Amino acid sequence: MLKSISIRNFKNIKSEEVDFANLTVFVGANASGKTSILEAIHYATLATNGDPAKVFGYERHCDWLYTRGGEGDLSLVCETDGGQYGITATCNSSLLGFSEDDRERLGSGIWAFERIPRDEVRRREALRTAKSMVFLHLSSSNLANESYSENQPPRVELDGTGLASVLAYLKLSDDEAFEKIEDFMRKFIPHFRRIRIQKKSIRRVETEFIKIDEETIPRRITRNYQGESLLFDFANSKNVSAHSVSEGTLLLLGLLTVVLGPIRPNILLMDDIEHGLHPLAQKQLLEVLALLMNEFPNLQVIASAHSPYLLDGLKPEQVRLVSADDQGYSIVRKLADHPDFDKWKDEMAPGEMWSMFGEKWETVREGKQ
């Protein structure tokens, strides 16, 4: 289990210590830093488990990630049941502290990385429970698209791409998991009956390189592949295209496929978890997560949200409020930290408390007036 993360000079988070429950949901205004916390966890894990220079280079150069007005190293350190792991990034140029007038210097910094801890055995032990981590920001349109994958096993990507290929793989290789997904769908969508897999020709534009007179030249070509698409049977209709079903149905199916699929995560990071869901469906989503976490005790879910209706289905200790101080830096507090929490905890659900308290009270604390 991921217990906490210490974040220093990452995006708009200057310095915060954030702890986690088995299910933790971050709420707050847009641009307050909710997604940045999820990204910090993801970056720390990828960089510690692989080559930090490649992770930060491929994803986003540290010059853009470093907090404006920050001092010292960029540091992301997670704590698990097995110990601490993380990364520090040090810039050995004069880039740090640059002003808005120095934007042309972005991308020119030279960064040195150090994985924490240095001892590989201790690092592997700390990473053990976090190694199987998935970061999702599902898009219903991508979930609905036909797909083709050369990966074995295939996987659902961050944005939902590849869902049809994963379900086709499960249908052939793990029919029990496929049926379990259908059972969950029937439980929460009463008129749902079954999922059908249909073969589909998929065109992909690719780049190939040809050699002409000792010169290698790239050219764009179109290739056809045999992929898969999804059809749905409902009580009143059959063979309904995935593009014709509701956004909530697709998001639920995507979540279930990730958790029950061939690459099962121990830690699930979900950005904008309730996106596109009706308030009743948000309640059902929490019920789905509760059932999944009961079946898989090692599963931990850390998510961001915007809905008070979703919070009403949580315990106060599962809610983290994220706000920005008057300088734009993120502040993270527990809902239970509010000075009037004890007064209202038996009278209000978490969503009601958040609606009444908001997040501005967070900025009124020592050193941040």
Protein backbone atom coordinates (compact mmCIF):
# COMPACT_ATOMS: atom_id res chain seq x y z
CA MET A 1 0.00 0.00 0.00
CA LEU A 2 1.11 3.54 -0.77
CA LYS A 3 1.13 5.39 2.55
CA SER A 4 2.24 8.89 1.57
CA ILE A 5 4.18 11.10 -0.80
CA SER A 6 6.47 14.05 -0.11
CA ILE A 7 6.43 16.52 -3.01
CA ARG A 8 8.94 19.35 -3.42
CA ASN A 9 9.05 21.83 -6.32
CA PHE A 10 6.82 19.84 -8.68
CA LYS A 11 4.54 21.96 -10.88
CA ASN A 12 2.44 24.19 -8.56
CA ILE A 13 3.30 22.12 -5.46
CA LYS A 14 6.11 23.86 -3.62
CA SER A 15 6.17 21.65 -0.54
CA GLU A 16 3.49 19.21 0.63
CA GLU A 17 3.26 15.95 2.53
CA VAL A 18 0.23 13.92 1.47
CA ASP A 19 -0.97 10.69 3.07
CA PHE A 20 -3.36 8.11 1.61
CA ALA A 21 -6.08 5.69 2.68
CA ASN A 22 -7.06 2.55 0.74
CA LEU A 23 -9.49 4.81 -1.15
CA THR A 24 -8.51 8.48 -1.31
CA VAL A 25 -10.29 11.18 -3.31
CA PHE A 26 -8.88 14.68 -3.91
CA VAL A 27 -11.35 17.50 -4.51
CA GLY A 28 -10.91 21.19 -5.15
CA ALA A 29 -11.16 23.92 -7.75
CA ASN A 30 -9.73 23.61 -11.24
CA ALA A 31 -5.95 24.17 -11.41
CA SER A 32 -5.58 23.70 -7.65
CA GLY A 33 -3.20 20.74 -8.05
CA LYS A 34 -5.34 17.58 -7.83
CA THR A 35 -4.01 16.05 -11.04
CA SER A 36 -0.47 17.15 -10.16
CA ILE A 37 -0.56 14.94 -7.06
CA LEU A 38 -1.53 11.92 -9.16
CA GLU A 39 1.18 12.78 -11.68
CA ALA A 40 3.76 13.12 -8.91
CA ILE A 41 2.99 9.58 -7.72
CA HIS A 42 3.20 8.28 -11.29
CA TYR A 43 6.47 10.07 -12.11
CA ALA A 44 8.09 8.94 -8.85
CA THR A 45 7.19 5.31 -9.52
CA LEU A 46 8.17 5.27 -13.20
CA ALA A 47 11.45 7.10 -12.58
CA THR A 48 12.49 4.97 -9.61
CA ASN A 49 11.62 1.76 -11.44
CA GLY A 50 13.40 2.77 -14.67
CA ASP A 51 15.74 5.37 -16.10
CA PRO A 52 14.80 8.75 -14.57
CA ALA A 53 16.40 10.75 -17.39
CA LYS A 54 14.29 8.93 -19.98
CA VAL A 55 11.08 9.17 -17.93
CA PHE A 56 11.39 12.93 -17.43
CA GLY A 57 12.81 13.45 -20.90
CA TYR A 58 10.09 11.53 -22.73
CA GLU A 59 7.22 12.75 -20.60
CA ARG A 60 8.12 16.37 -19.93
CA HIS A 61 11.42 18.14 -19.38
CA CYS A 62 12.09 19.12 -15.75
CA ASP A 63 12.36 22.79 -16.73
CA TRP A 64 8.61 22.82 -17.27
CA LEU A 65 7.85 20.69 -14.21
CA TYR A 66 9.92 22.68 -11.72
CA THR A 67 7.89 25.04 -9.49
CA ARG A 68 8.18 28.69 -10.43
CA GLY A 69 9.83 30.45 -7.49
CA GLY A 70 11.01 27.16 -6.01
CA GLU A 71 14.27 26.64 -4.16
CA GLY A 72 16.37 23.49 -4.09
CA ASP A 73 15.84 20.15 -5.81
CA LEU A 74 12.73 18.74 -7.39
CA SER A 75 11.91 15.81 -5.11
CA LEU A 76 9.21 13.11 -5.18
CA VAL A 77 9.46 10.54 -2.37
CA CYS A 78 6.80 7.89 -1.73
CA GLU A 79 6.45 5.68 1.34
CA THR A 80 5.00 2.17 1.16
CA ASP A 81 4.77 -0.78 3.53
CA GLY A 82 8.24 -1.77 2.28
CA GLY A 83 9.96 1.57 2.84
CA GLN A 84 10.64 4.74 0.87
CA TYR A 85 11.32 5.16 -2.83
CA GLY A 86 11.52 8.19 -5.07
CA ILE A 87 13.61 10.57 -7.09
CA THR A 88 15.48 13.85 -6.69
CA ALA A 89 16.31 16.01 -9.70
CA THR A 90 19.05 18.64 -9.45
CA CYS A 91 19.65 21.34 -12.06
CA ASN A 92 23.34 22.22 -12.41
CA SER A 93 22.70 25.35 -14.46
CA SER A 94 21.46 28.80 -13.47
CA LEU A 95 17.93 28.02 -14.71
CA LEU A 96 16.25 27.72 -11.30
CA GLY A 97 14.42 30.79 -10.23
CA PHE A 98 14.06 32.11 -13.77
CA SER A 99 11.54 34.87 -14.37
CA GLU A 100 8.63 34.99 -16.78
CA ASP A 101 10.88 37.00 -19.11
CA ASP A 102 13.23 34.01 -19.44
CA ARG A 103 10.82 31.60 -21.09
CA GLU A 104 13.14 31.06 -24.06
CA ARG A 105 15.50 29.29 -21.64
CA LEU A 106 12.98 26.56 -20.93
CA GLY A 107 14.28 23.19 -22.04
CA SER A 108 17.94 24.19 -21.76
CA GLY A 109 18.52 23.05 -18.18
CA ILE A 110 20.88 20.17 -17.44
CA TRP A 111 19.45 17.86 -14.79
CA ALA A 112 21.04 15.14 -12.68
CA PHE A 113 18.84 12.46 -11.11
CA GLU A 114 19.23 10.27 -8.06
CA ARG A 115 16.99 7.37 -7.18
CA ILE A 116 16.00 6.84 -3.55
CA PRO A 117 17.22 4.78 -1.81
CA ARG A 118 20.56 4.20 -3.47
CA ASP A 119 20.63 0.58 -2.31
CA GLU A 120 18.90 -1.47 -5.03
CA VAL A 121 17.62 -4.19 -2.69
CA ARG A 122 15.92 -1.67 -0.41
CA ARG A 123 14.58 0.21 -3.42
CA ARG A 124 13.02 -2.92 -4.89
CA GLU A 125 11.42 -3.78 -1.56
CA ALA A 126 9.90 -0.31 -1.27
CA LEU A 127 8.65 -0.49 -4.87
CA ARG A 128 7.19 -3.99 -4.57
CA THR A 129 3.64 -2.97 -3.66
CA ALA A 130 3.62 0.01 -6.06
CA LYS A 131 5.16 -1.62 -9.11
CA SER A 132 1.79 -2.61 -10.56
CA MET A 133 0.35 0.90 -10.95
CA VAL A 134 -2.06 2.23 -13.57
CA PHE A 135 -2.88 5.89 -14.24
CA LEU A 136 -6.24 6.49 -15.97
CA HIS A 137 -8.06 9.48 -17.42
CA LEU A 138 -10.65 7.59 -19.41
CA SER A 139 -12.35 9.07 -22.46
CA SER A 140 -15.67 7.50 -23.50
CA SER A 141 -14.95 8.11 -27.20
CA ASN A 142 -11.61 6.27 -26.97
CA LEU A 143 -13.21 3.44 -25.00
CA ALA A 144 -15.81 3.05 -27.76
CA ASN A 145 -13.29 2.93 -30.62
CA GLU A 146 -12.32 -0.29 -32.37
CA SER A 147 -8.73 -1.26 -31.61
CA TYR A 148 -5.78 -3.37 -32.61
CA SER A 149 -2.87 -4.35 -30.40
CA GLU A 150 0.36 -6.22 -30.98
CA ASN A 151 1.04 -6.42 -27.23
CA GLN A 152 0.53 -9.72 -25.46
CA PRO A 153 -1.37 -9.26 -23.29
CA PRO A 154 -2.93 -6.02 -24.58
CA ARG A 155 -3.78 -3.22 -22.15
CA VAL A 156 -6.17 -0.33 -21.74
CA GLU A 157 -4.19 2.89 -22.16
CA LEU A 158 -4.45 5.97 -19.93
CA ASP A 159 -7.17 7.52 -22.13
CA GLY A 160 -9.17 4.31 -22.66
CA THR A 161 -7.66 3.31 -26.00
CA GLY A 162 -7.50 -0.45 -26.54
CA LEU A 163 -10.56 -1.57 -24.57
CA ALA A 164 -11.95 -3.77 -27.37
CA SER A 165 -8.62 -5.62 -27.78
CA VAL A 166 -8.35 -6.33 -24.03
CA LEU A 167 -11.91 -7.69 -23.86
CA ALA A 168 -11.30 -9.84 -26.95
CA TYR A 169 -8.14 -11.20 -25.31
CA LEU A 170 -10.05 -12.02 -22.09
CA LYS A 171 -12.86 -13.71 -24.03
CA LEU A 172 -10.35 -16.11 -25.57
CA SER A 173 -7.86 -16.61 -22.73
CA ASP A 174 -9.71 -15.89 -19.47
CA ASP A 175 -13.41 -16.46 -19.96
CA GLU A 176 -13.97 -16.41 -16.18
CA ALA A 177 -12.70 -12.83 -15.93
CA PHE A 178 -14.78 -11.85 -18.98
CA GLU A 179 -17.93 -13.29 -17.40
CA LYS A 180 -17.16 -11.54 -14.11
CA ILE A 181 -17.00 -8.21 -15.96
CA GLU A 182 -20.39 -8.95 -17.53
CA ASP A 183 -21.81 -9.90 -14.11
CA PHE A 184 -20.71 -6.56 -12.64
CA MET A 185 -22.23 -4.73 -15.61
CA ARG A 186 -25.59 -6.50 -15.10
CA LYS A 187 -25.55 -5.62 -11.42
CA PHE A 188 -25.21 -1.90 -12.02
CA ILE A 189 -26.98 -1.59 -15.40
CA PRO A 190 -30.13 -3.75 -15.03
CA HIS A 191 -31.07 -3.72 -18.74
CA PHE A 192 -27.55 -4.77 -19.81
CA ARG A 193 -27.29 -8.36 -21.08
CA ARG A 194 -23.93 -9.12 -22.71
CA ILE A 195 -20.88 -7.90 -24.64
CA ARG A 196 -20.14 -9.13 -28.14
CA ILE A 197 -16.77 -8.97 -29.89
CA GLN A 198 -16.72 -8.28 -33.61
CA LYS A 199 -13.73 -8.48 -35.92
CA LYS A 200 -13.01 -5.17 -37.60
CA SER A 201 -10.57 -4.05 -40.27
CA ILE A 202 -8.55 -1.13 -38.91
CA ARG A 203 -6.51 1.25 -41.02
CA ARG A 204 -3.36 2.73 -39.48
CA VAL A 205 -1.08 5.38 -40.94
CA GLU A 206 2.52 4.43 -40.25
CA THR A 207 6.00 5.64 -41.13
CA GLU A 208 8.46 3.40 -42.93
CA PHE A 209 11.98 4.17 -44.09
CA ILE A 210 13.28 3.45 -47.56
CA LYS A 211 16.80 3.80 -48.90
CA ILE A 212 17.41 5.71 -52.14
CA ASP A 213 20.96 6.26 -53.33
CA GLU A 214 22.44 5.71 -49.89
CA GLU A 215 19.93 8.15 -48.34
CA THR A 216 17.28 6.99 -45.86
CA ILE A 217 13.93 8.66 -46.51
CA PRO A 218 10.76 8.36 -44.37
CA ARG A 219 7.40 7.92 -46.05
CA ARG A 220 3.85 7.57 -44.76
CA ILE A 221 1.89 4.45 -45.65
CA THR A 222 -1.52 3.07 -44.71
CA ARG A 223 -1.79 -0.53 -43.51
CA ASN A 224 -4.86 -2.61 -42.69
CA TYR A 225 -5.00 -4.76 -39.55
CA GLN A 226 -7.55 -7.21 -38.20
CA GLY A 227 -8.76 -5.61 -34.98
CA GLU A 228 -11.81 -5.75 -32.73
CA SER A 229 -14.88 -3.67 -31.99
CA LEU A 230 -17.52 -3.90 -29.25
CA LEU A 231 -21.26 -4.54 -29.53
CA PHE A 232 -23.72 -4.55 -26.63
CA ASP A 233 -26.92 -6.49 -26.02
CA PHE A 234 -29.57 -4.82 -23.86
CA ALA A 235 -33.01 -6.03 -22.82
CA ASN A 236 -34.73 -4.10 -25.61
CA SER A 237 -32.04 -4.20 -28.32
CA LYS A 238 -29.12 -6.27 -29.57
CA ASN A 239 -25.84 -5.56 -31.36
CA VAL A 240 -25.72 -1.93 -30.26
CA SER A 241 -22.50 -0.21 -31.32
CA ALA A 242 -20.22 0.98 -28.54
CA HIS A 243 -20.51 4.48 -30.01
CA SER A 244 -24.26 4.40 -29.32
CA VAL A 245 -24.21 3.46 -25.62
CA SER A 246 -24.00 5.90 -22.72
CA GLU A 247 -20.81 7.46 -21.48
CA GLY A 248 -21.43 6.01 -18.01
CA THR A 249 -21.73 2.48 -19.42
CA LEU A 250 -18.40 2.79 -21.24
CA LEU A 251 -16.59 4.32 -18.25
CA LEU A 252 -17.84 1.55 -15.95
CA LEU A 253 -16.79 -1.11 -18.47
CA GLY A 254 -13.35 0.49 -18.85
CA LEU A 255 -12.76 0.55 -15.09
CA LEU A 256 -13.88 -3.06 -14.65
CA THR A 257 -11.68 -4.22 -17.53
CA VAL A 258 -8.61 -2.53 -16.07
CA VAL A 259 -9.11 -3.99 -12.58
CA LEU A 260 -10.19 -7.48 -13.71
CA GLY A 261 -8.09 -7.65 -16.86
CA PRO A 262 -4.83 -9.42 -17.72
CA ILE A 263 -2.62 -6.73 -16.11
CA ARG A 264 -4.22 -6.18 -12.70
CA PRO A 265 -2.99 -3.13 -10.82
CA ASN A 266 -2.28 -2.87 -7.11
CA ILE A 267 -2.59 0.92 -7.25
CA LEU A 268 -5.12 2.64 -9.48
CA LEU A 269 -4.71 6.37 -10.09
CA MET A 270 -7.86 7.90 -11.60
CA ASP A 271 -8.12 11.49 -12.76
CA ASP A 272 -11.63 13.01 -12.79
CA ILE A 273 -13.15 9.76 -11.57
CA GLU A 274 -16.81 10.79 -11.86
CA HIS A 275 -16.49 12.39 -15.31
CA GLY A 276 -19.76 12.05 -17.27
CA LEU A 277 -21.60 10.14 -14.55
CA HIS A 278 -25.07 10.99 -13.23
CA PRO A 279 -25.17 11.48 -9.40
CA LEU A 280 -26.83 8.06 -8.99
CA ALA A 281 -24.17 6.48 -11.20
CA GLN A 282 -21.48 8.12 -9.06
CA LYS A 283 -22.90 6.30 -6.05
CA GLN A 284 -22.90 3.08 -8.04
CA LEU A 285 -19.27 3.67 -9.04
CA LEU A 286 -18.28 3.76 -5.36
CA GLU A 287 -20.22 0.53 -4.83
CA VAL A 288 -18.28 -1.05 -7.70
CA LEU A 289 -14.98 0.08 -6.19
CA ALA A 290 -16.01 -1.26 -2.76
CA LEU A 291 -16.81 -4.66 -4.25
CA LEU A 292 -13.57 -4.76 -6.22
CA MET A 293 -11.47 -3.70 -3.23
CA ASN A 294 -13.20 -6.35 -1.12
CA GLU A 295 -12.37 -8.99 -3.73
CA PHE A 296 -8.82 -7.69 -4.19
CA PRO A 297 -7.66 -6.52 -0.72
CA ASN A 298 -4.35 -5.25 -2.14
CA LEU A 299 -6.08 -2.83 -4.52
CA GLN A 300 -5.66 0.86 -3.62
CA VAL A 301 -7.51 3.65 -5.44
CA ILE A 302 -6.32 7.28 -5.46
CA ALA A 303 -8.48 9.64 -7.49
CA SER A 304 -9.43 13.23 -8.21
CA ALA A 305 -13.04 14.45 -8.42
CA HIS A 306 -15.23 17.55 -8.56
CA SER A 307 -18.57 16.24 -7.34
CA PRO A 308 -20.06 16.64 -3.83
CA TYR A 309 -22.44 13.78 -4.71
CA LEU A 310 -19.47 11.42 -5.01
CA LEU A 311 -18.07 12.60 -1.67
CA ASP A 312 -21.36 11.80 0.06
CA GLY A 313 -20.55 8.13 -0.49
CA LEU A 314 -17.14 8.41 1.21
CA LYS A 315 -15.90 8.56 4.77
CA PRO A 316 -14.39 11.91 5.85
CA GLU A 317 -10.97 10.31 6.31
CA GLN A 318 -10.99 9.37 2.60
CA VAL A 319 -11.37 12.98 1.43
CA ARG A 320 -8.49 15.39 0.77
CA LEU A 321 -9.13 19.06 -0.05
CA VAL A 322 -6.77 20.78 -2.47
CA SER A 323 -6.61 24.55 -2.84
CA ALA A 324 -4.17 27.25 -3.95
CA ASP A 325 -2.79 29.92 -1.65
CA ASP A 326 -2.53 33.58 -2.66
CA GLN A 327 0.75 32.82 -4.50
CA GLY A 328 -0.79 29.95 -6.48
CA TYR A 329 0.93 27.10 -4.60
CA SER A 330 -1.06 23.98 -3.71
CA ILE A 331 -2.20 23.19 -0.18
CA VAL A 332 -3.55 19.76 0.76
CA ARG A 333 -5.58 19.14 3.90
CA LYS A 334 -7.91 16.45 5.21
CA LEU A 335 -11.59 17.28 5.43
CA ALA A 336 -11.38 16.24 9.09
CA ASP A 337 -8.79 19.01 9.68
CA HIS A 338 -11.45 21.73 9.46
CA PRO A 339 -11.77 23.46 12.84
CA ASP A 340 -15.56 22.87 12.89
CA PHE A 341 -15.40 19.25 11.74
CA ASP A 342 -16.30 17.74 15.12
CA LYS A 343 -19.28 20.07 15.35
CA TRP A 344 -20.77 18.99 12.02
CA LYS A 345 -19.48 15.44 11.42
CA ASP A 346 -22.66 13.79 12.72
CA GLU A 347 -24.96 16.20 10.91
CA MET A 348 -23.48 16.35 7.42
CA ALA A 349 -22.15 13.98 4.77
CA PRO A 350 -18.66 14.76 3.37
CA GLY A 351 -20.08 16.30 0.20
CA GLU A 352 -22.29 18.64 2.22
CA MET A 353 -19.33 19.64 4.38
CA TRP A 354 -17.22 20.40 1.35
CA SER A 355 -20.03 22.46 -0.19
CA MET A 356 -20.34 24.46 3.03
CA PHE A 357 -16.67 24.75 4.06
CA GLY A 358 -15.05 25.03 0.63
CA GLU A 359 -11.24 25.09 0.63
CA LYS A 360 -10.32 28.69 1.45
CA TRP A 361 -9.99 27.88 5.13
CA GLU A 362 -6.92 25.80 4.24
CA THR A 363 -4.86 28.86 3.36
CA VAL A 364 -5.33 30.35 6.80
CA ARG A 365 -2.64 28.44 8.60
CA GLU A 366 0.76 29.16 10.00
CA GLY A 367 3.02 30.71 7.39
CA LYS A 368 0.25 30.98 4.78
CA GLN A 369 -2.02 33.89 5.50
